[in-house]
Amino acid sequence: MKNLKGRAVFAQSGGPTTVINASIAGGLIEALNQDAVTGVLCALNGIKGVLTENFVDIEKEDLSELYALKNTPASAFGSVRYKLKDLEKDDTDYRRILEVFKKYDVRFFFYNGGNDSMDTCDKISRFMEKEGYPVNVIGIPKTIDNDLDLTDHCPGYGSAAKYVATTLSEARLDAVIYESPLVIILEIMGRNAGWLTASAALSQITGYGADLIYLPEVPFSLDKFCSDVKAVVDKNRVCVVAVSEGIKFANGKYVGEDASQTDVFGHSSLGGVCGVLKSAVKSIGYKCKAIELNILQRCAAHCASKTDIEESFESGRQAVIHAVNGETDKMIAFKRVSSSPYKIEYEGVDLSLIANAEKKIPLDWIEKDGAHLTQKYIDYALPLIQGEPDRRMENGLPSYAKLKKIKFKID
């Protein structure tokens, strides 16, 4: 909707990343410079902050600290895992959001998150349109899983991939110093899409790479796994394995699934894959160390990609520009123009096409043995991990953004 004028509200949702704050920083700073934006607020803890009117006034923040968000990991304004109900069954939350938008004269709403967040964004946009309330709603993508559809890649992926590849190389350097056979297993995040685990293939560039990589896109077999490991150990003495937490058996069951625990979106709890595989390795007579990277891979700002940070910041800026120019019900997507030299463009794509969709690794990027990646993946991912960011440091440690978070209320 064109020619809107009013307040802008931002919110973050889902799992934190190294660069989600860079995205929101780009959006906040751009919004402060737009004549059509009469005020800039951030809701604390995602959509819950909108429902409870828990807003902070961004105009009261120091500009230097907003810029410092570029190199501050995690979600500075908090996060939430809250699922809006089906609009056709219960519109209570939607009507509350409409009430809040009217009260605060919100004409621009930006939600920064992954798959479930884009679904929330789309639902809010459709409800506002149905009710005839003029507001431009834009999704700002983030996810280390890199599984949002219709975008070349996602903010957060490049930095997480760089961390995984670096950590794996360091683990291998640690492993090869001993004379006895050793298997190291690194469990990496990724439920149904193996993008982050695939980044272990980048470690091969250092000369100290993963020997075996197992992704959810390929059915997993314990017998084949043991055979693969034995072949590597017999040849090289040391075997380093990268495995996705979401690997599944041929019958579709997750290897590390705990069906007794689910989140609000109905996702079963995963974890413990490396424990299952460690037992399998011990059964064939090898010493094994199993490492679950867990949350360490999400917010490793010390190993961030400058490319990822700069693109994330720009995606936030572009969200505001698209909204002020009249676009709504869109997500800012990355369109790769070329890989050599690397260049992307930003475009708005329909949220309805992205919400709850899941992009997986093309099967022709996985070797036929199901345990290695092809050069196509390397060519795709390598540009995303480039560059070392200039970070604010103090006493040899990172100096992160220090925000005032002054609450905003309508008088």
Protein backbone atom coordinates (compact mmCIF):
# COMPACT_ATOMS: atom_id res chain seq x y z
CA MET A 1 0.00 0.00 0.00
CA LYS A 2 1.51 3.30 -1.10
CA ASN A 3 1.79 6.63 0.66
CA LEU A 4 1.43 5.24 4.20
CA LYS A 5 2.74 7.28 7.10
CA GLY A 6 3.00 6.13 10.69
CA ARG A 7 5.05 4.17 13.18
CA ALA A 8 7.25 1.19 12.33
CA VAL A 9 7.40 -1.84 14.62
CA PHE A 10 10.18 -4.44 14.44
CA ALA A 11 10.40 -7.80 16.20
CA GLN A 12 12.72 -10.81 16.24
CA SER A 13 11.66 -14.44 16.46
CA GLY A 14 12.97 -18.00 16.45
CA GLY A 15 16.50 -19.17 17.16
CA PRO A 16 19.27 -16.57 17.47
CA THR A 17 22.13 -16.26 14.96
CA THR A 18 25.38 -14.37 14.58
CA VAL A 19 23.76 -11.79 12.29
CA ILE A 20 20.06 -11.44 13.19
CA ASN A 21 20.99 -8.23 15.02
CA ALA A 22 22.78 -6.97 11.91
CA SER A 23 19.52 -7.37 9.98
CA ILE A 24 17.44 -5.52 12.52
CA ALA A 25 20.12 -2.82 12.87
CA GLY A 26 19.92 -2.15 9.14
CA GLY A 27 16.14 -1.87 9.39
CA LEU A 28 16.10 0.33 12.49
CA ILE A 29 18.68 2.78 11.17
CA GLU A 30 16.96 3.05 7.79
CA ALA A 31 13.55 3.54 9.42
CA LEU A 32 14.92 6.39 11.54
CA ASN A 33 15.89 8.15 8.31
CA GLN A 34 12.55 7.75 6.52
CA ASP A 35 10.13 10.71 6.47
CA ALA A 36 7.16 8.34 6.17
CA VAL A 37 8.08 6.71 9.51
CA THR A 38 6.87 8.80 12.45
CA GLY A 39 8.39 6.60 15.14
CA VAL A 40 10.44 3.42 15.44
CA LEU A 41 9.59 0.78 18.05
CA CYS A 42 10.89 -2.69 18.76
CA ALA A 43 8.69 -5.31 20.40
CA LEU A 44 10.44 -7.39 23.02
CA ASN A 45 10.19 -11.16 22.61
CA GLY A 46 8.72 -11.21 19.15
CA ILE A 47 5.00 -11.22 18.50
CA LYS A 48 4.37 -11.66 22.24
CA GLY A 49 5.74 -8.14 22.70
CA VAL A 50 3.16 -6.81 20.24
CA LEU A 51 0.33 -8.63 22.00
CA THR A 52 1.39 -7.25 25.38
CA GLU A 53 2.43 -3.76 24.15
CA ASN A 54 5.96 -4.40 25.36
CA PHE A 55 7.76 -1.87 23.17
CA VAL A 56 11.10 -0.05 23.41
CA ASP A 57 11.70 3.34 21.80
CA ILE A 58 14.51 3.10 19.25
CA GLU A 59 14.71 6.88 18.93
CA LYS A 60 16.12 6.93 22.48
CA GLU A 61 19.05 4.67 21.55
CA ASP A 62 22.54 5.93 20.68
CA LEU A 63 23.20 5.56 16.97
CA SER A 64 26.67 4.15 17.69
CA GLU A 65 25.11 1.31 19.69
CA LEU A 66 22.64 0.53 16.91
CA TYR A 67 25.60 0.20 14.55
CA ALA A 68 27.34 -1.99 17.16
CA LEU A 69 24.45 -4.44 16.74
CA LYS A 70 26.06 -5.44 13.42
CA ASN A 71 28.68 -7.39 15.37
CA THR A 72 26.57 -8.43 18.35
CA PRO A 73 25.29 -12.02 18.18
CA ALA A 74 21.94 -13.48 19.30
CA SER A 75 18.65 -11.54 19.47
CA ALA A 76 19.13 -8.20 21.20
CA PHE A 77 15.38 -7.63 21.58
CA GLY A 78 14.57 -11.13 22.73
CA SER A 79 12.83 -13.92 20.87
CA VAL A 80 9.83 -16.19 21.17
CA ARG A 81 8.42 -19.42 19.84
CA TYR A 82 4.75 -18.57 19.70
CA LYS A 83 2.40 -19.97 17.08
CA LEU A 84 -0.60 -17.91 16.04
CA LYS A 85 -3.68 -20.08 15.76
CA ASP A 86 -5.36 -20.86 12.48
CA LEU A 87 -7.12 -17.64 11.50
CA GLU A 88 -10.29 -19.50 10.52
CA LYS A 89 -10.53 -21.17 13.94
CA ASP A 90 -9.49 -18.46 16.38
CA ASP A 91 -8.84 -14.82 15.51
CA THR A 92 -8.31 -13.62 19.10
CA ASP A 93 -4.60 -12.86 18.71
CA TYR A 94 -5.12 -11.22 15.33
CA ARG A 95 -7.79 -8.89 16.68
CA ARG A 96 -5.51 -7.99 19.57
CA ILE A 97 -2.68 -7.19 17.13
CA LEU A 98 -5.06 -5.02 15.10
CA GLU A 99 -6.08 -3.20 18.29
CA VAL A 100 -2.43 -2.52 19.14
CA PHE A 101 -1.59 -1.41 15.59
CA LYS A 102 -4.46 1.08 15.67
CA LYS A 103 -3.53 2.36 19.13
CA TYR A 104 0.09 3.00 18.15
CA ASP A 105 -0.66 4.03 14.55
CA VAL A 106 1.54 1.23 13.21
CA ARG A 107 1.75 1.39 9.41
CA PHE A 108 4.92 -0.67 8.92
CA PHE A 109 5.57 -4.04 10.57
CA PHE A 110 8.78 -6.04 10.18
CA TYR A 111 9.27 -9.57 11.50
CA ASN A 112 12.79 -10.97 11.54
CA GLY A 113 12.95 -14.78 11.61
CA GLY A 114 12.83 -18.13 9.85
CA ASN A 115 10.15 -20.42 8.42
CA ASP A 116 7.63 -20.18 11.26
CA SER A 117 8.20 -16.43 11.55
CA MET A 118 7.43 -15.93 7.87
CA ASP A 119 4.20 -17.87 8.43
CA THR A 120 3.30 -15.51 11.29
CA CYS A 121 4.13 -12.53 9.08
CA ASP A 122 1.94 -13.81 6.27
CA LYS A 123 -1.02 -14.49 8.58
CA ILE A 124 -0.86 -11.00 10.08
CA SER A 125 -0.64 -9.40 6.64
CA ARG A 126 -3.67 -11.31 5.33
CA PHE A 127 -5.73 -10.49 8.42
CA MET A 128 -4.95 -6.78 8.23
CA GLU A 129 -5.92 -6.73 4.57
CA LYS A 130 -9.16 -8.54 5.35
CA GLU A 131 -9.99 -6.00 8.06
CA GLY A 132 -9.12 -3.08 5.78
CA TYR A 133 -6.35 -1.75 8.02
CA PRO A 134 -3.54 -0.19 5.92
CA VAL A 135 -0.19 -1.57 7.08
CA ASN A 136 2.77 -2.82 5.07
CA VAL A 137 4.14 -6.09 6.44
CA ILE A 138 7.61 -7.30 5.43
CA GLY A 139 9.53 -10.38 6.55
CA ILE A 140 13.27 -10.10 7.15
CA PRO A 141 14.79 -13.59 6.75
CA LYS A 142 17.18 -15.35 9.09
CA THR A 143 18.12 -18.94 9.71
CA ILE A 144 21.37 -20.83 9.96
CA ASP A 145 19.43 -23.78 8.52
CA ASN A 146 19.39 -21.95 5.15
CA ASP A 147 16.10 -23.65 4.29
CA LEU A 148 13.85 -20.69 3.40
CA ASP A 149 12.54 -21.12 -0.13
CA LEU A 150 12.87 -18.67 -3.03
CA THR A 151 16.06 -17.06 -1.74
CA ASP A 152 19.58 -18.01 -2.78
CA HIS A 153 20.64 -18.18 0.86
CA CYS A 154 19.62 -16.91 4.29
CA PRO A 155 21.25 -14.40 6.64
CA GLY A 156 23.10 -16.33 9.33
CA TYR A 157 24.04 -19.27 7.16
CA GLY A 158 27.40 -17.97 5.95
CA SER A 159 28.69 -17.27 9.46
CA ALA A 160 27.44 -20.57 10.88
CA ALA A 161 28.94 -22.43 7.90
CA LYS A 162 32.27 -20.70 8.47
CA TYR A 163 32.19 -21.72 12.14
CA VAL A 164 31.37 -25.35 11.33
CA ALA A 165 34.11 -25.65 8.71
CA THR A 166 36.67 -23.99 11.01
CA THR A 167 35.71 -26.06 14.05
CA LEU A 168 35.83 -29.29 12.08
CA SER A 169 39.34 -28.52 10.80
CA GLU A 170 40.51 -27.72 14.33
CA ALA A 171 39.00 -30.97 15.61
CA ARG A 172 40.85 -32.94 12.96
CA LEU A 173 44.16 -31.24 13.78
CA ASP A 174 43.58 -32.28 17.38
CA ALA A 175 42.77 -35.86 16.39
CA VAL A 176 45.73 -36.66 14.13
CA ILE A 177 48.43 -36.15 16.77
CA TYR A 178 47.96 -39.62 18.28
CA GLU A 179 49.11 -42.97 16.92
CA SER A 180 46.00 -44.99 17.73
CA PRO A 181 42.87 -45.09 15.51
CA LEU A 182 40.25 -42.50 16.41
CA VAL A 183 36.82 -41.53 15.15
CA ILE A 184 35.41 -38.06 15.84
CA ILE A 185 31.73 -37.36 15.25
CA LEU A 186 30.37 -33.80 15.12
CA GLU A 187 26.59 -33.44 15.34
CA ILE A 188 25.41 -30.32 13.52
CA MET A 189 22.02 -28.57 13.48
CA GLY A 190 19.53 -29.18 10.68
CA ARG A 191 16.17 -30.95 10.95
CA ASN A 192 15.13 -31.77 7.40
CA ALA A 193 17.62 -29.80 5.34
CA GLY A 194 21.33 -30.50 5.53
CA TRP A 195 22.72 -27.13 4.50
CA LEU A 196 24.67 -26.47 7.69
CA THR A 197 26.11 -29.97 7.91
CA ALA A 198 27.08 -29.70 4.25
CA SER A 199 29.33 -26.77 5.17
CA ALA A 200 31.67 -29.33 6.71
CA ALA A 201 32.75 -29.95 3.12
CA LEU A 202 34.33 -26.48 3.08
CA SER A 203 36.85 -27.70 5.64
CA GLN A 204 38.48 -29.79 2.93
CA ILE A 205 39.90 -26.57 1.50
CA THR A 206 42.15 -26.28 4.58
CA GLY A 207 43.58 -29.74 3.96
CA TYR A 208 42.05 -30.99 7.22
CA GLY A 209 38.52 -31.81 6.21
CA ALA A 210 35.68 -34.14 7.07
CA ASP A 211 35.96 -37.70 5.79
CA LEU A 212 32.24 -38.44 5.87
CA ILE A 213 29.21 -36.14 5.78
CA TYR A 214 25.65 -37.39 6.36
CA LEU A 215 22.63 -35.25 5.51
CA PRO A 216 18.85 -35.63 6.05
CA GLU A 217 18.31 -35.59 2.27
CA VAL A 218 19.76 -39.12 2.00
CA PRO A 219 18.31 -42.12 3.96
CA PHE A 220 20.72 -43.20 6.67
CA SER A 221 21.90 -46.77 7.32
CA LEU A 222 23.86 -47.77 10.42
CA ASP A 223 25.39 -50.73 8.58
CA LYS A 224 26.62 -48.51 5.75
CA PHE A 225 27.87 -45.94 8.28
CA CYS A 226 29.97 -48.56 10.07
CA SER A 227 31.31 -49.80 6.74
CA ASP A 228 32.19 -46.27 5.65
CA VAL A 229 33.97 -45.52 8.93
CA LYS A 230 35.95 -48.77 8.83
CA ALA A 231 37.16 -48.05 5.30
CA VAL A 232 38.41 -44.59 6.29
CA VAL A 233 40.10 -45.74 9.51
CA ASP A 234 41.81 -48.65 7.74
CA LYS A 235 43.23 -46.17 5.23
CA ASN A 236 43.92 -43.03 7.30
CA ARG A 237 43.81 -44.11 10.97
CA VAL A 238 41.59 -41.11 11.81
CA CYS A 239 38.02 -40.59 10.64
CA VAL A 240 36.17 -37.30 11.14
CA VAL A 241 32.42 -37.45 10.61
CA ALA A 242 29.95 -34.57 10.22
CA VAL A 243 26.35 -35.60 10.78
CA SER A 244 23.09 -33.67 10.77
CA GLU A 245 20.86 -33.93 13.83
CA GLY A 246 18.02 -34.63 11.38
CA ILE A 247 19.34 -37.74 9.63
CA LYS A 248 16.61 -40.33 9.13
CA PHE A 249 16.40 -44.03 8.52
CA ALA A 250 14.81 -45.28 5.32
CA ASN A 251 11.47 -45.60 7.15
CA GLY A 252 11.51 -41.84 7.85
CA LYS A 253 12.25 -42.04 11.57
CA TYR A 254 14.82 -39.60 12.90
CA VAL A 255 17.91 -41.35 14.24
CA GLY A 256 17.98 -39.01 17.25
CA GLU A 257 14.27 -38.37 17.70
CA ASP A 258 12.66 -37.93 21.08
CA ALA A 259 8.97 -38.08 20.15
CA SER A 260 7.93 -37.49 23.77
CA GLN A 261 9.02 -33.85 23.52
CA THR A 262 7.67 -31.35 21.00
CA ASP A 263 7.71 -27.57 20.67
CA VAL A 264 4.72 -25.28 20.10
CA PHE A 265 5.01 -25.81 16.36
CA GLY A 266 4.75 -29.59 16.74
CA HIS A 267 8.41 -30.30 16.00
CA SER A 268 9.73 -33.33 17.88
CA SER A 269 12.89 -32.85 19.93
CA LEU A 270 16.10 -33.88 18.19
CA GLY A 271 19.54 -34.53 19.61
CA GLY A 272 21.63 -37.46 20.65
CA VAL A 273 22.48 -38.60 17.12
CA CYS A 274 26.19 -38.53 17.93
CA GLY A 275 25.53 -40.78 20.94
CA VAL A 276 23.82 -43.38 18.74
CA LEU A 277 26.66 -43.28 16.24
CA LYS A 278 29.31 -43.37 18.97
CA SER A 279 27.86 -46.65 20.22
CA ALA A 280 27.92 -48.01 16.66
CA VAL A 281 31.57 -47.04 16.24
CA LYS A 282 32.53 -48.66 19.56
CA SER A 283 30.76 -51.84 18.46
CA ILE A 284 33.25 -52.19 15.60
CA GLY A 285 36.21 -51.67 17.94
CA TYR A 286 37.27 -48.06 17.55
CA LYS A 287 37.77 -45.31 20.08
CA CYS A 288 35.27 -42.52 19.42
CA LYS A 289 34.68 -38.96 20.56
CA ALA A 290 31.20 -37.53 19.94
CA ILE A 291 30.68 -33.76 19.96
CA GLU A 292 27.33 -32.00 19.77
CA LEU A 293 27.96 -28.43 18.60
CA ASN A 294 24.48 -27.42 19.78
CA ILE A 295 24.05 -23.68 20.42
CA LEU A 296 27.73 -22.89 19.83
CA GLN A 297 27.23 -22.92 16.05
CA ARG A 298 24.41 -20.34 16.16
CA CYS A 299 26.07 -17.25 17.61
CA ALA A 300 29.81 -17.64 16.98
CA ALA A 301 30.46 -13.97 16.19
CA HIS A 302 34.20 -14.51 16.64
CA CYS A 303 34.07 -16.58 13.45
CA ALA A 304 31.59 -14.48 11.50
CA SER A 305 31.58 -13.91 7.77
CA LYS A 306 31.86 -10.25 6.79
CA THR A 307 29.83 -11.03 3.68
CA ASP A 308 27.06 -12.43 5.87
CA ILE A 309 27.07 -9.41 8.18
CA GLU A 310 26.95 -6.85 5.39
CA GLU A 311 24.23 -8.71 3.48
CA SER A 312 22.17 -9.10 6.64
CA PHE A 313 22.42 -5.40 7.44
CA GLU A 314 21.38 -4.55 3.90
CA SER A 315 18.42 -6.96 4.02
CA GLY A 316 17.06 -4.96 6.96
CA ARG A 317 17.52 -1.72 5.05
CA GLN A 318 15.83 -3.16 1.99
CA ALA A 319 12.85 -4.30 4.08
CA VAL A 320 12.18 -0.72 5.13
CA ILE A 321 12.73 0.67 1.64
CA HIS A 322 10.32 -1.88 0.13
CA ALA A 323 7.70 -1.13 2.80
CA VAL A 324 7.92 2.64 2.45
CA ASN A 325 7.67 2.23 -1.33
CA GLY A 326 4.32 0.48 -0.88
CA GLU A 327 5.13 -3.24 -0.82
CA THR A 328 3.47 -5.58 1.66
CA ASP A 329 3.17 -9.33 2.36
CA LYS A 330 6.73 -9.84 1.10
CA MET A 331 10.00 -11.27 2.37
CA ILE A 332 13.32 -9.79 1.34
CA ALA A 333 15.09 -12.48 -0.68
CA PHE A 334 18.60 -12.76 -2.12
CA LYS A 335 18.95 -13.30 -5.86
CA ARG A 336 22.39 -14.44 -6.99
CA VAL A 337 23.48 -12.60 -10.11
CA SER A 338 26.84 -14.34 -10.39
CA SER A 339 29.23 -16.46 -8.34
CA SER A 340 32.45 -15.23 -9.93
CA PRO A 341 32.61 -12.42 -9.17
CA TYR A 342 30.06 -12.94 -6.43
CA LYS A 343 27.10 -10.58 -6.65
CA ILE A 344 23.53 -10.61 -5.35
CA GLU A 345 20.44 -8.44 -5.65
CA TYR A 346 17.58 -7.98 -3.18
CA GLU A 347 13.96 -8.58 -4.10
CA GLY A 348 10.59 -8.93 -2.39
CA VAL A 349 8.94 -12.33 -2.78
CA ASP A 350 5.42 -13.30 -1.70
CA LEU A 351 5.26 -14.49 1.91
CA SER A 352 2.51 -16.95 1.01
CA LEU A 353 5.00 -18.82 -1.20
CA ILE A 354 7.61 -18.99 1.56
CA ALA A 355 5.62 -19.60 4.75
CA ASN A 356 6.17 -23.20 5.91
CA ALA A 357 8.03 -24.12 2.69
CA GLU A 358 11.40 -25.83 3.12
CA LYS A 359 14.33 -25.76 0.70
CA LYS A 360 16.62 -28.77 0.73
CA ILE A 361 20.01 -29.42 -0.83
CA PRO A 362 19.68 -30.50 -4.49
CA LEU A 363 20.44 -34.20 -4.74
CA ASP A 364 22.91 -33.60 -7.54
CA TRP A 365 25.01 -31.62 -5.04
CA ILE A 366 25.46 -34.83 -3.02
CA GLU A 367 27.81 -37.57 -4.23
CA LYS A 368 26.20 -40.91 -5.09
CA ASP A 369 27.79 -42.54 -2.03
CA GLY A 370 25.63 -40.22 0.13
CA ALA A 371 28.60 -39.21 2.29
CA HIS A 372 30.26 -36.38 0.36
CA LEU A 373 29.33 -33.11 -1.39
CA THR A 374 30.06 -32.23 -5.00
CA GLN A 375 31.93 -29.20 -6.35
CA LYS A 376 28.55 -27.58 -7.06
CA TYR A 377 27.99 -27.14 -3.34
CA ILE A 378 31.52 -25.75 -2.79
CA ASP A 379 31.02 -23.20 -5.57
CA TYR A 380 27.70 -22.18 -4.04
CA ALA A 381 28.82 -21.86 -0.42
CA LEU A 382 32.37 -20.54 -0.65
CA PRO A 383 31.43 -16.91 -1.45
CA LEU A 384 29.15 -16.80 1.60
CA ILE A 385 31.93 -17.26 4.18
CA GLN A 386 34.30 -14.58 2.92
CA GLY A 387 35.74 -11.67 4.87
CA GLU A 388 36.65 -10.83 8.45
CA PRO A 389 34.46 -8.17 10.12
CA ASP A 390 35.90 -5.16 11.90
CA ARG A 391 34.73 -5.63 15.47
CA ARG A 392 34.70 -3.25 18.39
CA MET A 393 37.06 -4.65 21.02
CA GLU A 394 37.81 -3.76 24.62
CA ASN A 395 40.51 -5.34 26.83
CA GLY A 396 41.05 -8.06 24.26
CA LEU A 397 37.37 -9.06 24.24
CA PRO A 398 34.45 -8.17 21.96
CA SER A 399 32.50 -5.08 22.96
CA TYR A 400 28.85 -5.74 22.16
CA ALA A 401 26.01 -3.27 21.73
CA LYS A 402 24.77 -1.68 24.95
CA LEU A 403 21.13 -0.71 24.48
CA LYS A 404 19.03 1.39 26.83
CA LYS A 405 15.73 -0.32 25.93
CA ILE A 406 13.58 2.50 27.23
CA LYS A 407 9.95 1.40 27.27
CA PHE A 408 7.50 3.24 25.04
CA LYS A 409 3.90 3.87 26.04
CA ILE A 410 1.12 5.93 24.51
CA ASP A 411 0.28 8.85 26.82
